[in-house]
PDB file of N, CA and C in Angstrom:
ATOM      1  N   UNK A   1     156.508 135.493  89.275  1.00  0.00           N
ATOM      2  CA  UNK A   1     156.994 136.463  89.730  1.00  0.00           C
ATOM      3  C   UNK A   1     156.726 137.632  90.341  1.00  0.00           C
ATOM      4  N   UNK A   2     156.618 137.952  91.815  1.00  0.00           N
ATOM      5  CA  UNK A   2     155.803 138.793  92.475  1.00  0.00           C
ATOM      6  C   UNK A   2     156.752 140.004  92.453  1.00  0.00           C
ATOM      7  N   UNK A   3     156.032 141.253  92.868  1.00  0.00           N
ATOM      8  CA  UNK A   3     156.755 142.899  92.961  1.00  0.00           C
ATOM      9  C   UNK A   3     157.917 142.533  93.924  1.00  0.00           C
ATOM     10  N   UNK A   4     158.988 143.145  94.282  1.00  0.00           N
ATOM     11  CA  UNK A   4     159.896 143.617  94.995  1.00  0.00           C
ATOM     12  C   UNK A   4     160.233 145.074  95.690  1.00  0.00           C
ATOM     13  N   UNK A   5     160.074 145.633  96.386  1.00  0.00           N
ATOM     14  CA  UNK A   5     160.610 146.909  97.100  1.00  0.00           C
ATOM     15  C   UNK A   5     161.601 147.036  96.947  1.00  0.00           C
ATOM     16  N   UNK A   6     162.186 147.699  96.841  1.00  0.00           N
ATOM     17  CA  UNK A   6     163.801 148.327  96.595  1.00  0.00           C
ATOM     18  C   UNK A   6     163.807 149.451  97.302  1.00  0.00           C
ATOM     19  N   UNK A   7     165.078 150.045  98.104  1.00  0.00           N
ATOM     20  CA  UNK A   7     164.870 150.866  98.593  1.00  0.00           C
ATOM     21  C   UNK A   7     166.411 151.425  98.464  1.00  0.00           C
ATOM     22  N   UNK A   8     166.478 152.895  98.003  1.00  0.00           N
ATOM     23  CA  UNK A   8     167.904 153.145  97.728  1.00  0.00           C
ATOM     24  C   UNK A   8     168.797 153.815  98.476  1.00  0.00           C
ATOM     25  N   UNK A   9     170.082 154.024  98.554  1.00  0.00           N
ATOM     26  CA  UNK A   9     170.614 154.343  99.660  1.00  0.00           C
ATOM     27  C   UNK A   9     170.227 154.034 101.090  1.00  0.00           C
ATOM     28  N   UNK A  10     170.360 152.650 101.121  1.00  0.00           N
ATOM     29  CA  UNK A  10     170.244 151.707 102.195  1.00  0.00           C
ATOM     30  C   UNK A  10     171.344 151.736 102.721  1.00  0.00           C
ATOM     31  N   UNK A  11     171.364 152.307 104.327  1.00  0.00           N
ATOM     32  CA  UNK A  11     172.428 151.877 105.170  1.00  0.00           C
ATOM     33  C   UNK A  11     172.078 150.242 105.823  1.00  0.00           C
ATOM     34  N   UNK A  12     173.682 149.470 105.557  1.00  0.00           N
ATOM     35  CA  UNK A  12     173.669 148.118 106.042  1.00  0.00           C
ATOM     36  C   UNK A  12     174.853 148.098 106.673  1.00  0.00           C
ATOM     37  N   UNK A  13     174.734 147.706 108.155  1.00  0.00           N
ATOM     38  CA  UNK A  13     176.195 148.107 109.099  1.00  0.00           C
ATOM     39  C   UNK A  13     176.816 149.352 108.993  1.00  0.00           C
ATOM     40  N   UNK A  14     177.694 149.692 108.678  1.00  0.00           N
ATOM     41  CA  UNK A  14     178.242 150.974 108.650  1.00  0.00           C
ATOM     42  C   UNK A  14     178.293 151.696 107.336  1.00  0.00           C
ATOM     43  N   UNK A  15     177.826 151.001 106.291  1.00  0.00           N
ATOM     44  CA  UNK A  15     178.006 151.002 104.873  1.00  0.00           C
ATOM     45  C   UNK A  15     176.611 151.713 104.269  1.00  0.00           C
ATOM     46  N   UNK A  16     176.720 152.285 103.323  1.00  0.00           N
ATOM     47  CA  UNK A  16     175.457 152.623 102.528  1.00  0.00           C
ATOM     48  C   UNK A  16     175.362 151.839 100.810  1.00  0.00           C
ATOM     49  N   UNK A  17     174.548 150.893 100.867  1.00  0.00           N
ATOM     50  CA  UNK A  17     174.268 150.627  99.310  1.00  0.00           C
ATOM     51  C   UNK A  17     173.335 151.209  98.669  1.00  0.00           C
ATOM     52  N   UNK A  18     173.641 150.949  96.805  1.00  0.00           N
ATOM     53  CA  UNK A  18     172.846 151.515  96.342  1.00  0.00           C
ATOM     54  C   UNK A  18     171.168 151.287  96.576  1.00  0.00           C
ATOM     55  N   UNK A  19     170.795 150.198  96.296  1.00  0.00           N
ATOM     56  CA  UNK A  19     169.695 149.815  96.667  1.00  0.00           C
ATOM     57  C   UNK A  19     169.900 148.479  97.284  1.00  0.00           C
ATOM     58  N   UNK A  20     168.285 148.489  97.674  1.00  0.00           N
ATOM     59  CA  UNK A  20     168.386 146.790  98.666  1.00  0.00           C
ATOM     60  C   UNK A  20     167.350 146.730  98.830  1.00  0.00           C
ATOM     61  N   UNK A  21     166.995 145.335  98.541  1.00  0.00           N
ATOM     62  CA  UNK A  21     165.620 144.554  98.763  1.00  0.00           C
ATOM     63  C   UNK A  21     165.562 143.486 100.086  1.00  0.00           C
ATOM     64  N   UNK A  22     165.167 144.356 101.153  1.00  0.00           N
ATOM     65  CA  UNK A  22     165.155 143.104 102.382  1.00  0.00           C
ATOM     66  C   UNK A  22     164.398 141.676 102.213  1.00  0.00           C
ATOM     67  N   UNK A  23     163.261 141.587 100.909  1.00  0.00           N
ATOM     68  CA  UNK A  23     162.606 140.256 100.983  1.00  0.00           C
ATOM     69  C   UNK A  23     163.890 139.417 100.278  1.00  0.00           C
ATOM     70  N   UNK A  24     164.425 139.871  99.259  1.00  0.00           N
ATOM     71  CA  UNK A  24     165.525 139.067  98.538  1.00  0.00           C
ATOM     72  C   UNK A  24     166.847 138.699  99.087  1.00  0.00           C
ATOM     73  N   UNK A  25     167.056 139.718 100.689  1.00  0.00           N
ATOM     74  CA  UNK A  25     168.541 140.371 100.890  1.00  0.00           C
ATOM     75  C   UNK A  25     169.157 140.502  99.731  1.00  0.00           C
ATOM     76  N   UNK A  26     169.362 141.311  99.026  1.00  0.00           N
ATOM     77  CA  UNK A  26     169.475 141.950  97.575  1.00  0.00           C
ATOM     78  C   UNK A  26     170.537 143.071  97.689  1.00  0.00           C
ATOM     79  N   UNK A  27     171.434 143.298  97.554  1.00  0.00           N
ATOM     80  CA  UNK A  27     171.765 144.695  97.444  1.00  0.00           C
ATOM     81  C   UNK A  27     172.244 144.698  95.630  1.00  0.00           C
ATOM     82  N   UNK A  28     172.172 146.178  95.340  1.00  0.00           N
ATOM     83  CA  UNK A  28     172.362 146.039  93.842  1.00  0.00           C
ATOM     84  C   UNK A  28     173.254 147.728  93.996  1.00  0.00           C
ATOM     85  N   UNK A  29     174.313 147.172  93.525  1.00  0.00           N
ATOM     86  CA  UNK A  29     175.316 148.321  93.346  1.00  0.00           C
ATOM     87  C   UNK A  29     175.648 148.727  91.733  1.00  0.00           C
ATOM     88  N   UNK A  30     175.820 150.354  91.853  1.00  0.00           N
ATOM     89  CA  UNK A  30     175.965 150.969  90.729  1.00  0.00           C
ATOM     90  C   UNK A  30     177.416 151.654  90.681  1.00  0.00           C
ATOM     91  N   UNK A  31     178.552 151.092  89.792  1.00  0.00           N
ATOM     92  CA  UNK A  31     179.828 151.260  89.825  1.00  0.00           C
ATOM     93  C   UNK A  31     179.961 152.401  88.820  1.00  0.00           C
ATOM     94  N   UNK A  32     180.150 153.763  89.403  1.00  0.00           N
ATOM     95  CA  UNK A  32     180.786 154.688  88.278  1.00  0.00           C
ATOM     96  C   UNK A  32     182.133 154.240  87.860  1.00  0.00           C
ATOM     97  N   UNK A  33     182.866 155.745  87.832  1.00  0.00           N
ATOM     98  CA  UNK A  33     184.101 155.352  87.305  1.00  0.00           C
ATOM     99  C   UNK A  33     185.261 155.744  88.377  1.00  0.00           C
ATOM    100  N   UNK A  34     184.724 156.379  89.517  1.00  0.00           N
ATOM    101  CA  UNK A  34     185.476 156.554  90.379  1.00  0.00           C
ATOM    102  C   UNK A  34     185.802 155.051  91.252  1.00  0.00           C
ATOM    103  N   UNK A  35     184.919 154.027  90.498  1.00  0.00           N
ATOM    104  CA  UNK A  35     185.176 152.558  91.678  1.00  0.00           C
ATOM    105  C   UNK A  35     186.064 151.879  90.878  1.00  0.00           C
ATOM    106  N   UNK A  36     186.996 152.907  89.898  1.00  0.00           N
ATOM    107  CA  UNK A  36     188.195 151.944  89.433  1.00  0.00           C
ATOM    108  C   UNK A  36     188.959 152.011  89.647  1.00  0.00           C
ATOM    109  N   UNK A  37     188.845 153.233  90.534  1.00  0.00           N
ATOM    110  CA  UNK A  37     190.431 153.694  91.024  1.00  0.00           C
ATOM    111  C   UNK A  37     190.794 152.651  92.274  1.00  0.00           C
ATOM    112  N   UNK A  38     192.077 151.982  92.836  1.00  0.00           N
ATOM    113  CA  UNK A  38     192.266 151.170  93.272  1.00  0.00           C
ATOM    114  C   UNK A  38     191.870 151.310  94.685  1.00  0.00           C
ATOM    115  N   UNK A  39     191.936 152.267  95.242  1.00  0.00           N
ATOM    116  CA  UNK A  39     191.396 152.388  96.538  1.00  0.00           C
ATOM    117  C   UNK A  39     190.087 152.547  96.908  1.00  0.00           C
ATOM    118  N   UNK A  40     189.736 152.853  95.852  1.00  0.00           N
ATOM    119  CA  UNK A  40     187.963 152.560  95.857  1.00  0.00           C
ATOM    120  C   UNK A  40     187.673 150.978  95.555  1.00  0.00           C
ATOM    121  N   UNK A  41     188.032 150.678  94.439  1.00  0.00           N
ATOM    122  CA  UNK A  41     187.811 149.282  94.444  1.00  0.00           C
ATOM    123  C   UNK A  41     188.222 148.411  95.875  1.00  0.00           C
ATOM    124  N   UNK A  42     189.130 148.796  96.308  1.00  0.00           N
ATOM    125  CA  UNK A  42     189.477 147.850  97.415  1.00  0.00           C
ATOM    126  C   UNK A  42     188.466 147.954  98.753  1.00  0.00           C
ATOM    127  N   UNK A  43     187.772 149.193  98.620  1.00  0.00           N
ATOM    128  CA  UNK A  43     187.047 149.363  99.795  1.00  0.00           C
ATOM    129  C   UNK A  43     185.968 148.924  99.089  1.00  0.00           C
ATOM    130  N   UNK A  44     185.539 149.110  97.799  1.00  0.00           N
ATOM    131  CA  UNK A  44     184.277 147.984  97.846  1.00  0.00           C
ATOM    132  C   UNK A  44     184.253 146.322  98.039  1.00  0.00           C
ATOM    133  N   UNK A  45     185.229 146.307  97.891  1.00  0.00           N
ATOM    134  CA  UNK A  45     185.432 144.181  98.177  1.00  0.00           C
ATOM    135  C   UNK A  45     185.430 144.276  99.270  1.00  0.00           C
ATOM    136  N   UNK A  46     186.159 144.986 100.470  1.00  0.00           N
ATOM    137  CA  UNK A  46     185.642 144.811 101.664  1.00  0.00           C
ATOM    138  C   UNK A  46     184.277 145.046 102.459  1.00  0.00           C
ATOM    139  N   UNK A  47     183.878 146.243 101.681  1.00  0.00           N
ATOM    140  CA  UNK A  47     182.482 146.536 102.246  1.00  0.00           C
ATOM    141  C   UNK A  47     181.444 145.597 101.916  1.00  0.00           C
ATOM    142  N   UNK A  48     181.755 144.896 100.135  1.00  0.00           N
ATOM    143  CA  UNK A  48     180.889 143.690 100.193  1.00  0.00           C
ATOM    144  C   UNK A  48     181.095 142.276 100.797  1.00  0.00           C
ATOM    145  N   UNK A  49     182.336 142.217 101.022  1.00  0.00           N
ATOM    146  CA  UNK A  49     182.817 141.078 101.961  1.00  0.00           C
ATOM    147  C   UNK A  49     182.006 140.741 103.263  1.00  0.00           C
ATOM    148  N   UNK A  50     182.145 142.216 104.191  1.00  0.00           N
ATOM    149  CA  UNK A  50     181.270 142.397 105.569  1.00  0.00           C
ATOM    150  C   UNK A  50     179.894 142.170 105.448  1.00  0.00           C
ATOM    151  N   UNK A  51     179.169 142.658 104.150  1.00  0.00           N
ATOM    152  CA  UNK A  51     177.699 142.649 104.393  1.00  0.00           C
ATOM    153  C   UNK A  51     177.543 141.241 104.157  1.00  0.00           C
ATOM    154  N   UNK A  52     178.416 140.651 103.343  1.00  0.00           N
ATOM    155  CA  UNK A  52     177.916 139.022 102.886  1.00  0.00           C
ATOM    156  C   UNK A  52     177.513 138.421 104.012  1.00  0.00           C
ATOM    157  N   UNK A  53     178.859 138.886 105.079  1.00  0.00           N
ATOM    158  CA  UNK A  53     178.770 137.810 105.894  1.00  0.00           C
ATOM    159  C   UNK A  53     177.257 137.862 106.873  1.00  0.00           C
ATOM    160  N   UNK A  54     176.530 138.770 106.698  1.00  0.00           N
ATOM    161  CA  UNK A  54     175.224 138.477 106.986  1.00  0.00           C
ATOM    162  C   UNK A  54     174.055 137.994 105.897  1.00  0.00           C
ATOM    163  N   UNK A  55     174.528 137.626 105.180  1.00  0.00           N
ATOM    164  CA  UNK A  55     173.471 136.756 103.954  1.00  0.00           C
ATOM    165  C   UNK A  55     173.114 137.595 102.472  1.00  0.00           C
ATOM    166  N   UNK A  56     173.581 138.721 102.615  1.00  0.00           N
ATOM    167  CA  UNK A  56     173.444 139.662 101.482  1.00  0.00           C
ATOM    168  C   UNK A  56     174.078 139.345 100.316  1.00  0.00           C
ATOM    169  N   UNK A  57     173.506 138.847  99.227  1.00  0.00           N
ATOM    170  CA  UNK A  57     173.949 139.006  97.978  1.00  0.00           C
ATOM    171  C   UNK A  57     174.024 140.548  97.272  1.00  0.00           C
ATOM    172  N   UNK A  58     175.056 140.298  96.541  1.00  0.00           N
ATOM    173  CA  UNK A  58     175.423 141.444  95.229  1.00  0.00           C
ATOM    174  C   UNK A  58     175.359 141.322  94.122  1.00  0.00           C
ATOM    175  N   UNK A  59     174.313 142.477  93.507  1.00  0.00           N
ATOM    176  CA  UNK A  59     174.257 142.491  91.891  1.00  0.00           C
ATOM    177  C   UNK A  59     175.326 144.193  91.711  1.00  0.00           C
ATOM    178  N   UNK A  60     176.514 143.792  90.894  1.00  0.00           N
ATOM    179  CA  UNK A  60     176.798 145.269  90.350  1.00  0.00           C
ATOM    180  C   UNK A  60     176.860 145.487  89.151  1.00  0.00           C
ATOM    181  N   UNK A  61     176.536 146.419  88.876  1.00  0.00           N
ATOM    182  CA  UNK A  61     176.473 146.759  87.283  1.00  0.00           C
ATOM    183  C   UNK A  61     177.378 148.139  87.253  1.00  0.00           C
ATOM    184  N   UNK A  62     178.011 148.427  85.966  1.00  0.00           N
ATOM    185  CA  UNK A  62     178.744 149.721  85.865  1.00  0.00           C
ATOM    186  C   UNK A  62     177.712 150.625  85.308  1.00  0.00           C
ATOM    187  N   UNK A  63     178.351 152.162  85.243  1.00  0.00           N
ATOM    188  CA  UNK A  63     177.367 152.991  84.862  1.00  0.00           C
ATOM    189  C   UNK A  63     176.677 153.155  83.486  1.00  0.00           C
ATOM    190  N   UNK A  64     177.868 152.941  82.536  1.00  0.00           N
ATOM    191  CA  UNK A  64     177.769 152.327  81.419  1.00  0.00           C
ATOM    192  C   UNK A  64     176.927 151.415  80.899  1.00  0.00           C
ATOM    193  N   UNK A  65     176.722 150.284  81.872  1.00  0.00           N
ATOM    194  CA  UNK A  65     175.805 149.536  81.793  1.00  0.00           C
ATOM    195  C   UNK A  65     174.324 149.444  81.912  1.00  0.00           C
ATOM    196  N   UNK A  66     173.842 150.518  82.696  1.00  0.00           N
ATOM    197  CA  UNK A  66     173.028 151.200  83.069  1.00  0.00           C
ATOM    198  C   UNK A  66     172.388 152.127  81.759  1.00  0.00           C
ATOM    199  N   UNK A  67     173.270 152.897  81.484  1.00  0.00           N
ATOM    200  CA  UNK A  67     173.064 154.101  80.426  1.00  0.00           C
ATOM    201  C   UNK A  67     172.964 153.389  79.022  1.00  0.00           C
ATOM    202  N   UNK A  68     173.966 152.505  78.752  1.00  0.00           N
ATOM    203  CA  UNK A  68     173.883 151.521  77.497  1.00  0.00           C
ATOM    204  C   UNK A  68     173.028 150.614  77.301  1.00  0.00           C
ATOM    205  N   UNK A  69     172.585 149.364  78.333  1.00  0.00           N
ATOM    206  CA  UNK A  69     172.079 148.481  78.246  1.00  0.00           C
ATOM    207  C   UNK A  69     171.017 147.932  79.496  1.00  0.00           C
ATOM    208  N   UNK A  70     170.278 149.348  79.807  1.00  0.00           N
ATOM    209  CA  UNK A  70     169.100 148.691  80.608  1.00  0.00           C
ATOM    210  C   UNK A  70     168.314 147.798  80.342  1.00  0.00           C
ATOM    211  N   UNK A  71     168.026 147.349  79.169  1.00  0.00           N
ATOM    212  CA  UNK A  71     167.230 146.058  78.928  1.00  0.00           C
ATOM    213  C   UNK A  71     167.946 145.140  79.912  1.00  0.00           C
ATOM    214  N   UNK A  72     169.400 144.596  79.291  1.00  0.00           N
ATOM    215  CA  UNK A  72     170.034 143.948  79.689  1.00  0.00           C
ATOM    216  C   UNK A  72     170.072 143.764  81.149  1.00  0.00           C
ATOM    217  N   UNK A  73     170.409 144.891  81.871  1.00  0.00           N
ATOM    218  CA  UNK A  73     170.472 145.206  83.188  1.00  0.00           C
ATOM    219  C   UNK A  73     169.311 144.596  84.218  1.00  0.00           C
ATOM    220  N   UNK A  74     167.886 145.115  83.298  1.00  0.00           N
ATOM    221  CA  UNK A  74     166.973 144.953  83.941  1.00  0.00           C
ATOM    222  C   UNK A  74     166.562 143.154  84.022  1.00  0.00           C
ATOM    223  N   UNK A  75     166.837 142.671  82.841  1.00  0.00           N
ATOM    224  CA  UNK A  75     166.798 141.410  82.519  1.00  0.00           C
ATOM    225  C   UNK A  75     167.795 140.239  83.518  1.00  0.00           C
ATOM    226  N   UNK A  76     168.781 141.053  83.904  1.00  0.00           N
ATOM    227  CA  UNK A  76     170.231 140.128  84.938  1.00  0.00           C
ATOM    228  C   UNK A  76     169.113 139.937  85.717  1.00  0.00           C
ATOM    229  N   UNK A  77     168.765 141.282  86.519  1.00  0.00           N
ATOM    230  CA  UNK A  77     167.953 141.157  88.003  1.00  0.00           C
ATOM    231  C   UNK A  77     166.849 140.602  87.777  1.00  0.00           C
ATOM    232  N   UNK A  78     165.470 140.237  86.843  1.00  0.00           N
ATOM    233  CA  UNK A  78     164.928 139.489  86.999  1.00  0.00           C
ATOM    234  C   UNK A  78     165.381 138.014  86.934  1.00  0.00           C
ATOM    235  N   UNK A  79     166.273 137.479  86.042  1.00  0.00           N
ATOM    236  CA  UNK A  79     166.823 136.417  86.261  1.00  0.00           C
ATOM    237  C   UNK A  79     167.308 135.904  87.335  1.00  0.00           C
ATOM    238  N   UNK A  80     168.185 136.907  88.141  1.00  0.00           N
ATOM    239  CA  UNK A  80     168.657 136.815  90.074  1.00  0.00           C
ATOM    240  C   UNK A  80     167.175 136.496  90.507  1.00  0.00           C
ATOM    241  N   UNK A  81     166.432 137.071  90.516  1.00  0.00           N
ATOM    242  CA  UNK A  81     164.906 137.186  91.008  1.00  0.00           C
ATOM    243  C   UNK A  81     164.590 135.664  90.817  1.00  0.00           C
ATOM    244  N   UNK A  82     164.620 135.140  89.591  1.00  0.00           N
ATOM    245  CA  UNK A  82     163.984 134.081  89.391  1.00  0.00           C
ATOM    246  C   UNK A  82     164.693 132.843  90.047  1.00  0.00           C
ATOM    247  N   UNK A  83     166.079 132.688  90.021  1.00  0.00           N
ATOM    248  CA  UNK A  83     166.712 132.101  90.555  1.00  0.00           C
ATOM    249  C   UNK A  83     166.435 131.738  92.128  1.00  0.00           C
ATOM    250  N   UNK A  84     166.288 133.117  92.734  1.00  0.00           N
ATOM    251  CA  UNK A  84     166.204 133.157  93.998  1.00  0.00           C
ATOM    252  C   UNK A  84     165.094 132.361  94.368  1.00  0.00           C
ATOM    253  N   UNK A  85     163.922 132.498  93.609  1.00  0.00           N
ATOM    254  CA  UNK A  85     162.370 131.896  93.944  1.00  0.00           C
ATOM    255  C   UNK A  85     162.626 130.671  93.750  1.00  0.00           C
ATOM    256  N   UNK A  86     163.206 130.114  92.814  1.00  0.00           N
ATOM    257  CA  UNK A  86     163.226 128.944  92.675  1.00  0.00           C
ATOM    258  C   UNK A  86     163.885 127.891  93.821  1.00  0.00           C
ATOM    259  N   UNK A  87     164.807 128.297  94.381  1.00  0.00           N
ATOM    260  CA  UNK A  87     166.048 127.953  95.404  1.00  0.00           C
ATOM    261  C   UNK A  87     164.618 128.047  96.775  1.00  0.00           C
ATOM    262  N   UNK A  88     164.513 129.197  96.880  1.00  0.00           N
ATOM    263  CA  UNK A  88     163.464 129.558  98.340  1.00  0.00           C
ATOM    264  C   UNK A  88     162.187 128.831  98.259  1.00  0.00           C
ATOM    265  N   UNK A  89     161.506 128.673  96.927  1.00  0.00           N
ATOM    266  CA  UNK A  89     159.944 128.002  96.916  1.00  0.00           C
ATOM    267  C   UNK A  89     159.950 127.140  95.842  1.00  0.00           C
ATOM    268  N   UNK A  90     160.782 126.426  95.906  1.00  0.00           N
ATOM    269  CA  UNK A  90     160.529 124.849  95.144  1.00  0.00           C
ATOM    270  C   UNK A  90     159.056 124.638  94.832  1.00  0.00           C
TER     271      UNK A  90
END
């Protein structure tokens, strides 16, 4: 697996994603407690679907997962990247 650059607070369309890697076309979102509020959750879904129309994939993690299980989060990202590499560079 090669190294990839992720950019923080990256504008995509009329939105901003928490992290984005252009080479992978991957957005990573970290959802805090406000993302459980109904209106915010609905906006997240709409925003994600709009961005996905342009081929961007999403990984979502909760703040709790980041704080309590960072190794698991990093493993999930690494597994996504390895799967991506297998699909694009067989």
